[in-house]
């Protein structure tokens, strides 16, 4: 049985249906993508992968197409660590 993974990505630069089509084609070409749906109103893509998600490949495909994915950084503090292991 094949495991399917879903990924939602927010996209900048979508202005019209043509932009949506370009972004959708770029995402559909990423290896492992089974389905790519891009919504202009929400500026969001929903991707379905056959197996593991390659988020870097998704970001790179959108960058190359001219519709960059929105990115963010998170810093986490881990408490109660007393050794390297």
PDB file of N, CA and C in Angstrom:
ATOM      1  N   UNK A   1       0.836  -1.177   0.000  1.00  0.00           N
ATOM      2  CA  UNK A   1       0.000   0.000   0.000  1.00  0.00           C
ATOM      3  C   UNK A   1       0.884   1.244   0.000  1.00  0.00           C
ATOM      4  N   UNK A   2       0.574   2.189  -0.845  1.00  0.00           N
ATOM      5  CA  UNK A   2       1.349   3.411  -0.959  1.00  0.00           C
ATOM      6  C   UNK A   2       0.873   4.446   0.041  1.00  0.00           C
ATOM      7  N   UNK A   3       1.831   5.022   0.740  1.00  0.00           N
ATOM      8  CA  UNK A   3       1.522   6.080   1.693  1.00  0.00           C
ATOM      9  C   UNK A   3       1.479   7.398   0.945  1.00  0.00           C
ATOM     10  N   UNK A   4       0.470   8.200   1.184  1.00  0.00           N
ATOM     11  CA  UNK A   4       0.367   9.506   0.539  1.00  0.00           C
ATOM     12  C   UNK A   4       0.555  10.599   1.584  1.00  0.00           C
ATOM     13  N   UNK A   5       1.355  11.611   1.227  1.00  0.00           N
ATOM     14  CA  UNK A   5       1.647  12.724   2.105  1.00  0.00           C
ATOM     15  C   UNK A   5       1.098  13.995   1.484  1.00  0.00           C
ATOM     16  N   UNK A   6       0.587  14.890   2.322  1.00  0.00           N
ATOM     17  CA  UNK A   6       0.051  16.159   1.834  1.00  0.00           C
ATOM     18  C   UNK A   6       0.862  17.315   2.419  1.00  0.00           C
ATOM     19  N   UNK A   7       1.097  18.330   1.599  1.00  0.00           N
ATOM     20  CA  UNK A   7       1.839  19.509   2.010  1.00  0.00           C
ATOM     21  C   UNK A   7       1.103  20.745   1.518  1.00  0.00           C
ATOM     22  N   UNK A   8       0.919  21.721   2.397  1.00  0.00           N
ATOM     23  CA  UNK A   8       0.322  23.009   2.025  1.00  0.00           C
ATOM     24  C   UNK A   8       1.423  24.058   2.024  1.00  0.00           C
ATOM     25  N   UNK A   9       1.441  24.887   0.986  1.00  0.00           N
ATOM     26  CA  UNK A   9       2.478  25.911   0.823  1.00  0.00           C
ATOM     27  C   UNK A   9       1.812  27.236   0.486  1.00  0.00           C
ATOM     28  N   UNK A  10       2.206  28.297   1.174  1.00  0.00           N
ATOM     29  CA  UNK A  10       1.747  29.637   0.831  1.00  0.00           C
ATOM     30  C   UNK A  10       2.686  30.204  -0.221  1.00  0.00           C
ATOM     31  N   UNK A  11       2.113  30.871  -1.237  1.00  0.00           N
ATOM     32  CA  UNK A  11       2.886  31.334  -2.386  1.00  0.00           C
ATOM     33  C   UNK A  11       2.706  32.831  -2.573  1.00  0.00           C
ATOM     34  N   UNK A  12       3.807  33.523  -2.853  1.00  0.00           N
ATOM     35  CA  UNK A  12       3.764  34.951  -3.172  1.00  0.00           C
ATOM     36  C   UNK A  12       3.781  35.153  -4.680  1.00  0.00           C
ATOM     37  N   UNK A  13       3.207  36.263  -5.129  1.00  0.00           N
ATOM     38  CA  UNK A  13       3.301  36.660  -6.533  1.00  0.00           C
ATOM     39  C   UNK A  13       2.200  36.177  -7.449  1.00  0.00           C
ATOM     40  N   UNK A  14       1.198  35.507  -6.912  1.00  0.00           N
ATOM     41  CA  UNK A  14       0.089  35.050  -7.757  1.00  0.00           C
ATOM     42  C   UNK A  14      -0.862  36.215  -8.000  1.00  0.00           C
ATOM     43  N   UNK A  15      -1.034  36.590  -9.272  1.00  0.00           N
ATOM     44  CA  UNK A  15      -1.889  37.727  -9.609  1.00  0.00           C
ATOM     45  C   UNK A  15      -3.088  37.372 -10.472  1.00  0.00           C
ATOM     46  N   UNK A  16      -3.017  36.241 -11.177  1.00  0.00           N
ATOM     47  CA  UNK A  16      -4.081  35.909 -12.124  1.00  0.00           C
ATOM     48  C   UNK A  16      -4.113  34.402 -12.372  1.00  0.00           C
ATOM     49  N   UNK A  17      -5.056  33.975 -13.181  1.00  0.00           N
ATOM     50  CA  UNK A  17      -5.196  32.550 -13.491  1.00  0.00           C
ATOM     51  C   UNK A  17      -3.976  32.012 -14.226  1.00  0.00           C
ATOM     52  N   UNK A  18      -3.322  32.843 -15.025  1.00  0.00           N
ATOM     53  CA  UNK A  18      -2.111  32.417 -15.722  1.00  0.00           C
ATOM     54  C   UNK A  18      -0.989  32.120 -14.724  1.00  0.00           C
ATOM     55  N   UNK A  19      -0.869  32.966 -13.706  1.00  0.00           N
ATOM     56  CA  UNK A  19       0.126  32.740 -12.643  1.00  0.00           C
ATOM     57  C   UNK A  19      -0.150  31.412 -11.939  1.00  0.00           C
ATOM     58  N   UNK A  20      -1.402  31.154 -11.662  1.00  0.00           N
ATOM     59  CA  UNK A  20      -1.793  29.912 -11.000  1.00  0.00           C
ATOM     60  C   UNK A  20      -1.383  28.721 -11.861  1.00  0.00           C
ATOM     61  N   UNK A  21      -1.644  28.811 -13.153  1.00  0.00           N
ATOM     62  CA  UNK A  21      -1.288  27.726 -14.066  1.00  0.00           C
ATOM     63  C   UNK A  21       0.216  27.477 -14.103  1.00  0.00           C
ATOM     64  N   UNK A  22       0.998  28.542 -14.153  1.00  0.00           N
ATOM     65  CA  UNK A  22       2.466  28.402 -14.161  1.00  0.00           C
ATOM     66  C   UNK A  22       2.965  27.755 -12.881  1.00  0.00           C
ATOM     67  N   UNK A  23       2.470  28.232 -11.744  1.00  0.00           N
ATOM     68  CA  UNK A  23       2.889  27.677 -10.463  1.00  0.00           C
ATOM     69  C   UNK A  23       2.452  26.217 -10.344  1.00  0.00           C
ATOM     70  N   UNK A  24       1.259  25.909 -10.794  1.00  0.00           N
ATOM     71  CA  UNK A  24       0.741  24.545 -10.704  1.00  0.00           C
ATOM     72  C   UNK A  24       1.564  23.597 -11.571  1.00  0.00           C
ATOM     73  N   UNK A  25       1.937  24.024 -12.787  1.00  0.00           N
ATOM     74  CA  UNK A  25       2.760  23.184 -13.659  1.00  0.00           C
ATOM     75  C   UNK A  25       4.148  22.964 -13.053  1.00  0.00           C
ATOM     76  N   UNK A  26       4.716  24.017 -12.470  1.00  0.00           N
ATOM     77  CA  UNK A  26       6.033  23.893 -11.835  1.00  0.00           C
ATOM     78  C   UNK A  26       5.987  22.896 -10.680  1.00  0.00           C
ATOM     79  N   UNK A  27       4.934  22.962  -9.878  1.00  0.00           N
ATOM     80  CA  UNK A  27       4.800  22.055  -8.741  1.00  0.00           C
ATOM     81  C   UNK A  27       4.520  20.625  -9.191  1.00  0.00           C
ATOM     82  N   UNK A  28       3.727  20.460 -10.229  1.00  0.00           N
ATOM     83  CA  UNK A  28       3.401  19.125 -10.731  1.00  0.00           C
ATOM     84  C   UNK A  28       4.641  18.423 -11.276  1.00  0.00           C
ATOM     85  N   UNK A  29       5.651  19.196 -11.695  1.00  0.00           N
ATOM     86  CA  UNK A  29       6.880  18.623 -12.248  1.00  0.00           C
ATOM     87  C   UNK A  29       7.870  18.171 -11.177  1.00  0.00           C
ATOM     88  N   UNK A  30       7.613  18.505  -9.922  1.00  0.00           N
ATOM     89  CA  UNK A  30       8.515  18.076  -8.834  1.00  0.00           C
ATOM     90  C   UNK A  30       8.381  16.561  -8.680  1.00  0.00           C
ATOM     91  N   UNK A  31       9.525  15.846  -8.655  1.00  0.00           N
ATOM     92  CA  UNK A  31       9.467  14.389  -8.505  1.00  0.00           C
ATOM     93  C   UNK A  31       8.663  13.957  -7.276  1.00  0.00           C
ATOM     94  N   UNK A  32       7.800  12.976  -7.482  1.00  0.00           N
ATOM     95  CA  UNK A  32       6.994  12.436  -6.390  1.00  0.00           C
ATOM     96  C   UNK A  32       5.643  13.092  -6.213  1.00  0.00           C
ATOM     97  N   UNK A  33       5.413  14.244  -6.858  1.00  0.00           N
ATOM     98  CA  UNK A  33       4.122  14.928  -6.706  1.00  0.00           C
ATOM     99  C   UNK A  33       3.070  14.174  -7.514  1.00  0.00           C
ATOM    100  N   UNK A  34       2.026  13.758  -6.847  1.00  0.00           N
ATOM    101  CA  UNK A  34       0.904  13.089  -7.518  1.00  0.00           C
ATOM    102  C   UNK A  34      -0.149  14.092  -7.968  1.00  0.00           C
ATOM    103  N   UNK A  35      -0.336  15.142  -7.181  1.00  0.00           N
ATOM    104  CA  UNK A  35      -1.354  16.145  -7.492  1.00  0.00           C
ATOM    105  C   UNK A  35      -0.922  17.480  -6.914  1.00  0.00           C
ATOM    106  N   UNK A  36      -1.107  18.541  -7.703  1.00  0.00           N
ATOM    107  CA  UNK A  36      -0.793  19.899  -7.252  1.00  0.00           C
ATOM    108  C   UNK A  36      -1.990  20.785  -7.556  1.00  0.00           C
ATOM    109  N   UNK A  37      -2.543  21.401  -6.531  1.00  0.00           N
ATOM    110  CA  UNK A  37      -3.668  22.322  -6.681  1.00  0.00           C
ATOM    111  C   UNK A  37      -3.252  23.673  -6.124  1.00  0.00           C
ATOM    112  N   UNK A  38      -3.397  24.730  -6.934  1.00  0.00           N
ATOM    113  CA  UNK A  38      -3.026  26.080  -6.517  1.00  0.00           C
ATOM    114  C   UNK A  38      -4.293  26.927  -6.510  1.00  0.00           C
ATOM    115  N   UNK A  39      -4.504  27.675  -5.416  1.00  0.00           N
ATOM    116  CA  UNK A  39      -5.675  28.523  -5.260  1.00  0.00           C
ATOM    117  C   UNK A  39      -5.249  29.984  -5.256  1.00  0.00           C
ATOM    118  N   UNK A  40      -5.755  30.757  -6.200  1.00  0.00           N
ATOM    119  CA  UNK A  40      -5.397  32.170  -6.329  1.00  0.00           C
ATOM    120  C   UNK A  40      -5.875  32.977  -5.127  1.00  0.00           C
ATOM    121  N   UNK A  41      -7.100  32.772  -4.691  1.00  0.00           N
ATOM    122  CA  UNK A  41      -7.684  33.570  -3.608  1.00  0.00           C
ATOM    123  C   UNK A  41      -6.932  33.401  -2.287  1.00  0.00           C
ATOM    124  N   UNK A  42      -6.541  32.185  -1.979  1.00  0.00           N
ATOM    125  CA  UNK A  42      -5.851  31.928  -0.710  1.00  0.00           C
ATOM    126  C   UNK A  42      -4.330  31.976  -0.851  1.00  0.00           C
ATOM    127  N   UNK A  43      -3.839  32.118  -2.086  1.00  0.00           N
ATOM    128  CA  UNK A  43      -2.399  32.106  -2.370  1.00  0.00           C
ATOM    129  C   UNK A  43      -1.757  30.869  -1.760  1.00  0.00           C
ATOM    130  N   UNK A  44      -2.389  29.724  -1.977  1.00  0.00           N
ATOM    131  CA  UNK A  44      -1.971  28.489  -1.327  1.00  0.00           C
ATOM    132  C   UNK A  44      -1.961  27.339  -2.327  1.00  0.00           C
ATOM    133  N   UNK A  45      -0.950  26.495  -2.197  1.00  0.00           N
ATOM    134  CA  UNK A  45      -0.878  25.268  -2.992  1.00  0.00           C
ATOM    135  C   UNK A  45      -1.030  24.081  -2.052  1.00  0.00           C
ATOM    136  N   UNK A  46      -1.756  23.092  -2.496  1.00  0.00           N
ATOM    137  CA  UNK A  46      -1.877  21.841  -1.771  1.00  0.00           C
ATOM    138  C   UNK A  46      -1.288  20.759  -2.659  1.00  0.00           C
ATOM    139  N   UNK A  47      -0.288  20.068  -2.126  1.00  0.00           N
ATOM    140  CA  UNK A  47       0.408  19.033  -2.889  1.00  0.00           C
ATOM    141  C   UNK A  47       0.184  17.684  -2.246  1.00  0.00           C
ATOM    142  N   UNK A  48       0.041  16.677  -3.082  1.00  0.00           N
ATOM    143  CA  UNK A  48      -0.049  15.302  -2.602  1.00  0.00           C
ATOM    144  C   UNK A  48       1.129  14.540  -3.194  1.00  0.00           C
ATOM    145  N   UNK A  49       1.907  13.900  -2.309  1.00  0.00           N
ATOM    146  CA  UNK A  49       3.093  13.161  -2.693  1.00  0.00           C
ATOM    147  C   UNK A  49       2.846  11.672  -2.537  1.00  0.00           C
ATOM    148  N   UNK A  50       3.542  10.888  -3.366  1.00  0.00           N
ATOM    149  CA  UNK A  50       3.462   9.433  -3.265  1.00  0.00           C
ATOM    150  C   UNK A  50       4.117   8.941  -1.982  1.00  0.00           C
ATOM    151  N   UNK A  51       5.224   9.547  -1.599  1.00  0.00           N
ATOM    152  CA  UNK A  51       5.954   9.130  -0.405  1.00  0.00           C
ATOM    153  C   UNK A  51       6.364  10.353   0.391  1.00  0.00           C
ATOM    154  N   UNK A  52       7.646  10.450   0.693  1.00  0.00           N
ATOM    155  CA  UNK A  52       8.160  11.554   1.498  1.00  0.00           C
ATOM    156  C   UNK A  52       8.107  12.872   0.721  1.00  0.00           C
ATOM    157  N   UNK A  53       7.904  13.940   1.440  1.00  0.00           N
ATOM    158  CA  UNK A  53       7.842  15.279   0.864  1.00  0.00           C
ATOM    159  C   UNK A  53       9.262  15.836   0.747  1.00  0.00           C
ATOM    160  N   UNK A  54       9.607  16.354  -0.424  1.00  0.00           N
ATOM    161  CA  UNK A  54      10.885  17.037  -0.611  1.00  0.00           C
ATOM    162  C   UNK A  54      10.589  18.530  -0.661  1.00  0.00           C
ATOM    163  N   UNK A  55      10.528  19.155   0.519  1.00  0.00           N
ATOM    164  CA  UNK A  55      10.153  20.563   0.625  1.00  0.00           C
ATOM    165  C   UNK A  55      11.144  21.477  -0.087  1.00  0.00           C
ATOM    166  N   UNK A  56      12.418  21.107  -0.110  1.00  0.00           N
ATOM    167  CA  UNK A  56      13.425  21.918  -0.800  1.00  0.00           C
ATOM    168  C   UNK A  56      13.148  21.928  -2.301  1.00  0.00           C
ATOM    169  N   UNK A  57      12.795  20.785  -2.870  1.00  0.00           N
ATOM    170  CA  UNK A  57      12.482  20.713  -4.299  1.00  0.00           C
ATOM    171  C   UNK A  57      11.244  21.539  -4.625  1.00  0.00           C
ATOM    172  N   UNK A  58      10.270  21.546  -3.729  1.00  0.00           N
ATOM    173  CA  UNK A  58       9.058  22.357  -3.918  1.00  0.00           C
ATOM    174  C   UNK A  58       9.414  23.834  -3.912  1.00  0.00           C
ATOM    175  N   UNK A  59      10.198  24.254  -2.921  1.00  0.00           N
ATOM    176  CA  UNK A  59      10.626  25.657  -2.830  1.00  0.00           C
ATOM    177  C   UNK A  59      11.413  26.060  -4.064  1.00  0.00           C
ATOM    178  N   UNK A  60      12.354  25.213  -4.484  1.00  0.00           N
ATOM    179  CA  UNK A  60      13.184  25.511  -5.649  1.00  0.00           C
ATOM    180  C   UNK A  60      12.344  25.630  -6.921  1.00  0.00           C
ATOM    181  N   UNK A  61      11.363  24.758  -7.086  1.00  0.00           N
ATOM    182  CA  UNK A  61      10.501  24.801  -8.268  1.00  0.00           C
ATOM    183  C   UNK A  61       9.702  26.101  -8.317  1.00  0.00           C
ATOM    184  N   UNK A  62       9.179  26.521  -7.165  1.00  0.00           N
ATOM    185  CA  UNK A  62       8.425  27.775  -7.118  1.00  0.00           C
ATOM    186  C   UNK A  62       9.340  28.976  -7.363  1.00  0.00           C
ATOM    187  N   UNK A  63      10.534  28.968  -6.781  1.00  0.00           N
ATOM    188  CA  UNK A  63      11.492  30.054  -7.004  1.00  0.00           C
ATOM    189  C   UNK A  63      11.831  30.171  -8.483  1.00  0.00           C
ATOM    190  N   UNK A  64      12.107  29.039  -9.122  1.00  0.00           N
ATOM    191  CA  UNK A  64      12.470  29.021 -10.539  1.00  0.00           C
ATOM    192  C   UNK A  64      11.322  29.532 -11.414  1.00  0.00           C
ATOM    193  N   UNK A  65      10.083  29.240 -11.018  1.00  0.00           N
ATOM    194  CA  UNK A  65       8.911  29.681 -11.780  1.00  0.00           C
ATOM    195  C   UNK A  65       8.581  31.150 -11.522  1.00  0.00           C
ATOM    196  N   UNK A  66       9.203  31.748 -10.497  1.00  0.00           N
ATOM    197  CA  UNK A  66       8.961  33.155 -10.193  1.00  0.00           C
ATOM    198  C   UNK A  66       7.859  33.407  -9.183  1.00  0.00           C
ATOM    199  N   UNK A  67       7.462  32.358  -8.473  1.00  0.00           N
ATOM    200  CA  UNK A  67       6.410  32.467  -7.458  1.00  0.00           C
ATOM    201  C   UNK A  67       6.942  31.865  -6.157  1.00  0.00           C
ATOM    202  N   UNK A  68       7.718  32.634  -5.405  1.00  0.00           N
ATOM    203  CA  UNK A  68       8.389  32.060  -4.230  1.00  0.00           C
ATOM    204  C   UNK A  68       7.427  31.617  -3.130  1.00  0.00           C
ATOM    205  N   UNK A  69       7.811  30.529  -2.484  1.00  0.00           N
ATOM    206  CA  UNK A  69       7.069  30.052  -1.321  1.00  0.00           C
ATOM    207  C   UNK A  69       7.388  30.957  -0.146  1.00  0.00           C
ATOM    208  N   UNK A  70       6.404  31.208   0.692  1.00  0.00           N
ATOM    209  CA  UNK A  70       6.650  31.963   1.922  1.00  0.00           C
ATOM    210  C   UNK A  70       7.372  31.053   2.899  1.00  0.00           C
ATOM    211  N   UNK A  71       8.415  31.584   3.493  1.00  0.00           N
ATOM    212  CA  UNK A  71       9.188  30.793   4.453  1.00  0.00           C
ATOM    213  C   UNK A  71       9.236  31.521   5.787  1.00  0.00           C
ATOM    214  N   UNK A  72       9.535  30.772   6.824  1.00  0.00           N
ATOM    215  CA  UNK A  72       9.638  31.324   8.162  1.00  0.00           C
ATOM    216  C   UNK A  72      10.674  30.517   8.919  1.00  0.00           C
ATOM    217  N   UNK A  73      11.188  31.077   9.978  1.00  0.00           N
ATOM    218  CA  UNK A  73      12.169  30.398  10.821  1.00  0.00           C
ATOM    219  C   UNK A  73      11.608  30.239  12.222  1.00  0.00           C
ATOM    220  N   UNK A  74      12.038  29.175  12.868  1.00  0.00           N
ATOM    221  CA  UNK A  74      11.620  28.905  14.239  1.00  0.00           C
ATOM    222  C   UNK A  74      12.857  28.604  15.064  1.00  0.00           C
ATOM    223  N   UNK A  75      12.961  29.207  16.233  1.00  0.00           N
ATOM    224  CA  UNK A  75      14.043  28.926  17.162  1.00  0.00           C
ATOM    225  C   UNK A  75      13.415  28.266  18.383  1.00  0.00           C
ATOM    226  N   UNK A  76      13.941  27.112  18.739  1.00  0.00           N
ATOM    227  CA  UNK A  76      13.392  26.379  19.874  1.00  0.00           C
ATOM    228  C   UNK A  76      14.463  26.221  20.940  1.00  0.00           C
ATOM    229  N   UNK A  77      14.072  26.359  22.185  1.00  0.00           N
ATOM    230  CA  UNK A  77      14.960  26.123  23.302  1.00  0.00           C
ATOM    231  C   UNK A  77      14.601  24.774  23.902  1.00  0.00           C
ATOM    232  N   UNK A  78      15.635  23.974  24.168  1.00  0.00           N
ATOM    233  CA  UNK A  78      15.428  22.655  24.767  1.00  0.00           C
ATOM    234  C   UNK A  78      15.988  22.709  26.188  1.00  0.00           C
ATOM    235  N   UNK A  79      15.149  22.437  27.142  1.00  0.00           N
ATOM    236  CA  UNK A  79      15.561  22.497  28.537  1.00  0.00           C
ATOM    237  C   UNK A  79      15.923  21.126  29.096  1.00  0.00           C
ATOM    238  N   UNK A  80      16.539  21.130  30.257  1.00  0.00           N
ATOM    239  CA  UNK A  80      16.857  19.933  31.025  1.00  0.00           C
ATOM    240  C   UNK A  80      17.828  18.980  30.339  1.00  0.00           C
ATOM    241  N   UNK A  81      18.711  19.512  29.526  1.00  0.00           N
ATOM    242  CA  UNK A  81      19.746  18.661  28.919  1.00  0.00           C
ATOM    243  C   UNK A  81      20.971  18.691  29.810  1.00  0.00           C
ATOM    244  N   UNK A  82      21.530  17.523  30.111  1.00  0.00           N
ATOM    245  CA  UNK A  82      22.681  17.469  31.018  1.00  0.00           C
ATOM    246  C   UNK A  82      23.921  16.862  30.379  1.00  0.00           C
ATOM    247  N   UNK A  83      23.801  16.302  29.149  1.00  0.00           N
ATOM    248  CA  UNK A  83      24.975  15.730  28.498  1.00  0.00           C
ATOM    249  C   UNK A  83      24.760  15.725  26.980  1.00  0.00           C
ATOM    250  N   UNK A  84      25.763  15.309  26.235  1.00  0.00           N
ATOM    251  CA  UNK A  84      25.705  15.338  24.776  1.00  0.00           C
ATOM    252  C   UNK A  84      24.780  14.274  24.187  1.00  0.00           C
ATOM    253  N   UNK A  85      24.507  13.220  24.897  1.00  0.00           N
ATOM    254  CA  UNK A  85      23.669  12.164  24.335  1.00  0.00           C
ATOM    255  C   UNK A  85      22.204  12.455  24.561  1.00  0.00           C
TER     256      UNK A  85
END
